């Protein structure tokens, strides 16, 4: 993309909010437990879901005609229309106050907190910070601060470092985030 980055225009998205709701089901809890090497069991109403459940709930659904070449919704809706093609996770912080439970109706309220620009070795980098608050009728469940990064596609001269051929000797079971409870 050759479109110029207009930070003032992109910063107009700061403060925009989006809200989505979903219900925590026993089937979702079983699937997450299996994925996370936990005892699957037979979850029933009121049983705690794994702390990663919030990532599986209230996912947006868009018609194929509204998806961009990267598989994400066309830019300019909730997220600002950053004219850089490569989308990456730039970091985050999760804080849990309680667990989601089977039967909970949860609501995720998302807010654009900041839009900033930096320059890296590959050129312009645009960071979009989003704050998410997950609640149920019981109380606040979690607070998540996430940063997304957009950058240009790497040039053909960029070469990836060769991957290590060493095999892991233990299964990867834990997320690389520091989870505060």
C-alpha atoms as a PDB file:
ATOM      1  CA  UNK A   1       0.000   0.000   0.000  1.00  0.00           C
ATOM      2  CA  UNK A   2       1.272   3.424  -0.827  1.00  0.00           C
ATOM      3  CA  UNK A   3      -1.340   5.425   1.077  1.00  0.00           C
ATOM      4  CA  UNK A   4       0.226   7.984   3.445  1.00  0.00           C
ATOM      5  CA  UNK A   5      -0.226   7.507   7.183  1.00  0.00           C
ATOM      6  CA  UNK A   6      -2.259  10.366   8.643  1.00  0.00           C
ATOM      7  CA  UNK A   7      -1.862   9.999  12.409  1.00  0.00           C
ATOM      8  CA  UNK A   8      -4.300  12.835  13.164  1.00  0.00           C
ATOM      9  CA  UNK A   9      -6.984  11.040  11.137  1.00  0.00           C
ATOM     10  CA  UNK A  10      -6.261   7.660  12.772  1.00  0.00           C
ATOM     11  CA  UNK A  11      -6.313   9.173  16.275  1.00  0.00           C
ATOM     12  CA  UNK A  12      -9.957  10.188  15.683  1.00  0.00           C
ATOM     13  CA  UNK A  13     -10.780   6.550  16.504  1.00  0.00           C
ATOM     14  CA  UNK A  14      -9.557   6.971  20.109  1.00  0.00           C
ATOM     15  CA  UNK A  15     -12.502   6.558  22.461  1.00  0.00           C
ATOM     16  CA  UNK A  16     -14.635   4.509  20.046  1.00  0.00           C
ATOM     17  CA  UNK A  17     -16.309   1.560  21.717  1.00  0.00           C
ATOM     18  CA  UNK A  18     -17.769  -1.756  20.674  1.00  0.00           C
ATOM     19  CA  UNK A  19     -19.823  -4.181  22.742  1.00  0.00           C
ATOM     20  CA  UNK A  20     -20.535  -7.864  22.180  1.00  0.00           C
ATOM     21  CA  UNK A  21     -22.211 -10.564  24.295  1.00  0.00           C
ATOM     22  CA  UNK A  22     -22.156 -14.340  24.413  1.00  0.00           C
ATOM     23  CA  UNK A  23     -22.983 -17.251  26.705  1.00  0.00           C
ATOM     24  CA  UNK A  24     -20.410 -19.595  28.243  1.00  0.00           C
ATOM     25  CA  UNK A  25     -21.449 -23.135  27.281  1.00  0.00           C
ATOM     26  CA  UNK A  26     -20.424 -26.502  28.694  1.00  0.00           C
ATOM     27  CA  UNK A  27     -19.254 -27.503  25.195  1.00  0.00           C
ATOM     28  CA  UNK A  28     -16.894 -24.519  25.010  1.00  0.00           C
ATOM     29  CA  UNK A  29     -15.487 -25.345  28.458  1.00  0.00           C
ATOM     30  CA  UNK A  30     -14.932 -28.995  27.454  1.00  0.00           C
ATOM     31  CA  UNK A  31     -13.110 -27.937  24.282  1.00  0.00           C
ATOM     32  CA  UNK A  32     -10.886 -25.479  26.135  1.00  0.00           C
ATOM     33  CA  UNK A  33     -10.075 -27.968  28.865  1.00  0.00           C
ATOM     34  CA  UNK A  34      -9.043 -30.526  26.235  1.00  0.00           C
ATOM     35  CA  UNK A  35      -6.921 -27.941  24.426  1.00  0.00           C
ATOM     36  CA  UNK A  36      -5.186 -26.891  27.632  1.00  0.00           C
ATOM     37  CA  UNK A  37      -4.372 -30.448  28.777  1.00  0.00           C
ATOM     38  CA  UNK A  38      -6.888 -30.216  31.615  1.00  0.00           C
ATOM     39  CA  UNK A  39      -9.263 -32.897  32.846  1.00  0.00           C
ATOM     40  CA  UNK A  40     -12.265 -32.539  30.509  1.00  0.00           C
ATOM     41  CA  UNK A  41     -14.969 -33.836  32.837  1.00  0.00           C
ATOM     42  CA  UNK A  42     -18.631 -32.925  32.426  1.00  0.00           C
ATOM     43  CA  UNK A  43     -18.966 -29.186  33.036  1.00  0.00           C
ATOM     44  CA  UNK A  44     -22.259 -28.116  34.542  1.00  0.00           C
ATOM     45  CA  UNK A  45     -23.863 -24.755  35.268  1.00  0.00           C
ATOM     46  CA  UNK A  46     -21.687 -22.700  37.587  1.00  0.00           C
ATOM     47  CA  UNK A  47     -18.416 -24.564  36.869  1.00  0.00           C
ATOM     48  CA  UNK A  48     -15.462 -22.284  36.145  1.00  0.00           C
ATOM     49  CA  UNK A  49     -14.213 -21.966  32.567  1.00  0.00           C
ATOM     50  CA  UNK A  50     -10.463 -21.795  31.837  1.00  0.00           C
ATOM     51  CA  UNK A  51      -9.148 -18.235  31.990  1.00  0.00           C
ATOM     52  CA  UNK A  52      -8.666 -18.198  28.198  1.00  0.00           C
ATOM     53  CA  UNK A  53     -12.425 -18.496  27.551  1.00  0.00           C
ATOM     54  CA  UNK A  54     -12.811 -14.767  26.924  1.00  0.00           C
ATOM     55  CA  UNK A  55     -10.824 -15.152  23.667  1.00  0.00           C
ATOM     56  CA  UNK A  56     -13.404 -17.620  22.314  1.00  0.00           C
ATOM     57  CA  UNK A  57     -16.534 -15.671  23.156  1.00  0.00           C
ATOM     58  CA  UNK A  58     -18.418 -12.902  21.346  1.00  0.00           C
ATOM     59  CA  UNK A  59     -16.341 -13.167  18.189  1.00  0.00           C
ATOM     60  CA  UNK A  60     -17.447 -10.815  15.410  1.00  0.00           C
ATOM     61  CA  UNK A  61     -19.042 -12.344  12.323  1.00  0.00           C
ATOM     62  CA  UNK A  62     -18.786 -10.601   8.957  1.00  0.00           C
ATOM     63  CA  UNK A  63     -19.895 -11.557   5.455  1.00  0.00           C
ATOM     64  CA  UNK A  64     -17.022 -12.719   3.242  1.00  0.00           C
ATOM     65  CA  UNK A  65     -17.568  -9.631   1.079  1.00  0.00           C
ATOM     66  CA  UNK A  66     -16.492  -7.440   4.040  1.00  0.00           C
ATOM     67  CA  UNK A  67     -13.202  -9.248   4.709  1.00  0.00           C
ATOM     68  CA  UNK A  68      -9.871  -7.924   3.511  1.00  0.00           C
ATOM     69  CA  UNK A  69      -7.054  -9.972   1.964  1.00  0.00           C
ATOM     70  CA  UNK A  70      -5.698 -10.723   5.473  1.00  0.00           C
ATOM     71  CA  UNK A  71      -8.996 -12.341   6.529  1.00  0.00           C
ATOM     72  CA  UNK A  72      -9.866  -9.521   8.920  1.00  0.00           C
ATOM     73  CA  UNK A  73     -12.818  -7.133   8.507  1.00  0.00           C
ATOM     74  CA  UNK A  74     -12.320  -4.187   6.199  1.00  0.00           C
ATOM     75  CA  UNK A  75     -10.565  -1.420   8.090  1.00  0.00           C
ATOM     76  CA  UNK A  76     -12.324   1.675   9.296  1.00  0.00           C
ATOM     77  CA  UNK A  77     -15.107   0.146  11.399  1.00  0.00           C
ATOM     78  CA  UNK A  78     -14.216  -0.245  15.057  1.00  0.00           C
ATOM     79  CA  UNK A  79     -10.453  -0.276  14.391  1.00  0.00           C
ATOM     80  CA  UNK A  80      -8.905   2.683  12.555  1.00  0.00           C
ATOM     81  CA  UNK A  81      -8.134   2.226   8.826  1.00  0.00           C
ATOM     82  CA  UNK A  82      -4.351   1.953   9.135  1.00  0.00           C
ATOM     83  CA  UNK A  83      -3.068   1.652   5.538  1.00  0.00           C
ATOM     84  CA  UNK A  84      -0.370  -0.906   6.331  1.00  0.00           C
ATOM     85  CA  UNK A  85      -0.987  -4.521   5.290  1.00  0.00           C
ATOM     86  CA  UNK A  86       0.731  -6.628   7.929  1.00  0.00           C
ATOM     87  CA  UNK A  87      -1.166  -7.080  11.207  1.00  0.00           C
ATOM     88  CA  UNK A  88       0.672  -8.385  14.267  1.00  0.00           C
ATOM     89  CA  UNK A  89       0.092  -8.789  18.007  1.00  0.00           C
ATOM     90  CA  UNK A  90       2.287  -6.271  19.819  1.00  0.00           C
ATOM     91  CA  UNK A  91       1.622  -7.163  23.449  1.00  0.00           C
ATOM     92  CA  UNK A  92      -0.935  -7.133  26.180  1.00  0.00           C
ATOM     93  CA  UNK A  93      -1.741  -7.295  29.840  1.00  0.00           C
ATOM     94  CA  UNK A  94      -4.487  -9.422  31.344  1.00  0.00           C
ATOM     95  CA  UNK A  95      -5.978  -9.045  34.792  1.00  0.00           C
ATOM     96  CA  UNK A  96      -8.553 -11.538  36.102  1.00  0.00           C
ATOM     97  CA  UNK A  97     -10.949 -10.732  38.928  1.00  0.00           C
ATOM     98  CA  UNK A  98     -13.086 -13.877  38.691  1.00  0.00           C
ATOM     99  CA  UNK A  99     -13.639 -16.810  36.338  1.00  0.00           C
ATOM    100  CA  UNK A 100     -16.302 -17.020  33.683  1.00  0.00           C
ATOM    101  CA  UNK A 101     -18.685 -19.852  34.561  1.00  0.00           C
ATOM    102  CA  UNK A 102     -20.829 -22.239  32.535  1.00  0.00           C
ATOM    103  CA  UNK A 103     -24.136 -20.466  31.934  1.00  0.00           C
ATOM    104  CA  UNK A 104     -22.745 -16.942  32.338  1.00  0.00           C
ATOM    105  CA  UNK A 105     -23.922 -14.339  29.885  1.00  0.00           C
ATOM    106  CA  UNK A 106     -20.813 -12.233  29.390  1.00  0.00           C
ATOM    107  CA  UNK A 107     -20.353  -8.858  27.761  1.00  0.00           C
ATOM    108  CA  UNK A 108     -17.079  -7.596  26.335  1.00  0.00           C
ATOM    109  CA  UNK A 109     -16.816  -3.825  26.033  1.00  0.00           C
ATOM    110  CA  UNK A 110     -13.863  -2.711  23.901  1.00  0.00           C
ATOM    111  CA  UNK A 111     -12.465   0.810  23.626  1.00  0.00           C
ATOM    112  CA  UNK A 112      -9.727   2.243  21.402  1.00  0.00           C
ATOM    113  CA  UNK A 113      -7.296   3.666  23.971  1.00  0.00           C
ATOM    114  CA  UNK A 114      -4.504   5.038  21.770  1.00  0.00           C
ATOM    115  CA  UNK A 115      -3.028   5.157  18.280  1.00  0.00           C
ATOM    116  CA  UNK A 116       0.704   5.836  17.974  1.00  0.00           C
ATOM    117  CA  UNK A 117       3.376   5.742  15.291  1.00  0.00           C
ATOM    118  CA  UNK A 118       6.989   4.648  15.493  1.00  0.00           C
ATOM    119  CA  UNK A 119       9.683   3.940  12.961  1.00  0.00           C
ATOM    120  CA  UNK A 120      11.515   0.627  12.975  1.00  0.00           C
ATOM    121  CA  UNK A 121      14.079  -1.057  10.755  1.00  0.00           C
ATOM    122  CA  UNK A 122      11.297  -2.008   8.320  1.00  0.00           C
ATOM    123  CA  UNK A 123       9.747   1.466   8.199  1.00  0.00           C
ATOM    124  CA  UNK A 124       6.583   2.914   9.708  1.00  0.00           C
ATOM    125  CA  UNK A 125       4.871   1.039  12.534  1.00  0.00           C
ATOM    126  CA  UNK A 126       1.392   1.914  13.741  1.00  0.00           C
ATOM    127  CA  UNK A 127       0.283   0.691  17.183  1.00  0.00           C
ATOM    128  CA  UNK A 128      -3.416   0.557  18.103  1.00  0.00           C
ATOM    129  CA  UNK A 129      -4.092  -0.009  21.806  1.00  0.00           C
ATOM    130  CA  UNK A 130      -7.465  -1.499  22.736  1.00  0.00           C
ATOM    131  CA  UNK A 131      -8.862  -1.969  26.247  1.00  0.00           C
ATOM    132  CA  UNK A 132     -11.389  -4.759  26.824  1.00  0.00           C
ATOM    133  CA  UNK A 133     -13.548  -5.199  29.906  1.00  0.00           C
ATOM    134  CA  UNK A 134     -15.376  -8.512  30.351  1.00  0.00           C
ATOM    135  CA  UNK A 135     -18.366  -8.473  32.693  1.00  0.00           C
ATOM    136  CA  UNK A 136     -21.243 -10.718  33.748  1.00  0.00           C
ATOM    137  CA  UNK A 137     -24.334  -9.878  35.795  1.00  0.00           C
ATOM    138  CA  UNK A 138     -22.286 -11.114  38.799  1.00  0.00           C
ATOM    139  CA  UNK A 139     -19.401  -8.654  38.405  1.00  0.00           C
ATOM    140  CA  UNK A 140     -16.346  -7.606  36.465  1.00  0.00           C
ATOM    141  CA  UNK A 141     -14.452 -10.694  35.217  1.00  0.00           C
ATOM    142  CA  UNK A 142     -11.344  -9.452  33.453  1.00  0.00           C
ATOM    143  CA  UNK A 143      -9.574  -6.427  32.098  1.00  0.00           C
ATOM    144  CA  UNK A 144      -7.392  -6.753  29.024  1.00  0.00           C
ATOM    145  CA  UNK A 145      -5.108  -4.174  27.438  1.00  0.00           C
ATOM    146  CA  UNK A 146      -3.970  -5.289  23.986  1.00  0.00           C
ATOM    147  CA  UNK A 147      -1.781  -3.604  21.401  1.00  0.00           C
ATOM    148  CA  UNK A 148      -1.927  -4.416  17.728  1.00  0.00           C
ATOM    149  CA  UNK A 149       0.743  -3.450  15.264  1.00  0.00           C
ATOM    150  CA  UNK A 150       0.445  -2.715  11.558  1.00  0.00           C
ATOM    151  CA  UNK A 151       3.512  -2.553   9.369  1.00  0.00           C
ATOM    152  CA  UNK A 152       4.412  -2.847   5.722  1.00  0.00           C
ATOM    153  CA  UNK A 153       5.108  -6.197   4.097  1.00  0.00           C
ATOM    154  CA  UNK A 154       8.788  -7.141   4.287  1.00  0.00           C
ATOM    155  CA  UNK A 155      10.730  -6.647   1.088  1.00  0.00           C
ATOM    156  CA  UNK A 156      11.964  -9.634  -0.866  1.00  0.00           C
ATOM    157  CA  UNK A 157      15.490  -8.850   0.297  1.00  0.00           C
ATOM    158  CA  UNK A 158      14.467  -9.560   3.895  1.00  0.00           C
ATOM    159  CA  UNK A 159      15.443 -13.101   4.758  1.00  0.00           C
ATOM    160  CA  UNK A 160      14.163 -15.030   7.717  1.00  0.00           C
ATOM    161  CA  UNK A 161      16.626 -16.562  10.085  1.00  0.00           C
ATOM    162  CA  UNK A 162      16.705 -20.331   9.749  1.00  0.00           C
ATOM    163  CA  UNK A 163      14.508 -22.123  12.269  1.00  0.00           C
ATOM    164  CA  UNK A 164      16.087 -24.278  14.888  1.00  0.00           C
ATOM    165  CA  UNK A 165      15.844 -27.990  14.182  1.00  0.00           C
ATOM    166  CA  UNK A 166      15.949 -28.845  17.900  1.00  0.00           C
ATOM    167  CA  UNK A 167      12.738 -30.453  19.141  1.00  0.00           C
ATOM    168  CA  UNK A 168      11.007 -29.309  22.290  1.00  0.00           C
ATOM    169  CA  UNK A 169      11.300 -31.869  25.063  1.00  0.00           C
ATOM    170  CA  UNK A 170       8.103 -30.820  26.847  1.00  0.00           C
ATOM    171  CA  UNK A 171       4.614 -30.006  25.596  1.00  0.00           C
ATOM    172  CA  UNK A 172       3.781 -26.336  25.364  1.00  0.00           C
ATOM    173  CA  UNK A 173       1.028 -25.954  27.927  1.00  0.00           C
ATOM    174  CA  UNK A 174       1.318 -22.442  29.202  1.00  0.00           C
ATOM    175  CA  UNK A 175       0.731 -19.064  27.673  1.00  0.00           C
ATOM    176  CA  UNK A 176       3.636 -16.620  27.570  1.00  0.00           C
ATOM    177  CA  UNK A 177       1.580 -13.946  29.326  1.00  0.00           C
ATOM    178  CA  UNK A 178       1.924 -13.068  32.972  1.00  0.00           C
ATOM    179  CA  UNK A 179      -1.596 -13.596  34.253  1.00  0.00           C
ATOM    180  CA  UNK A 180      -2.498 -11.724  37.400  1.00  0.00           C
ATOM    181  CA  UNK A 181      -5.314 -12.938  39.547  1.00  0.00           C
END
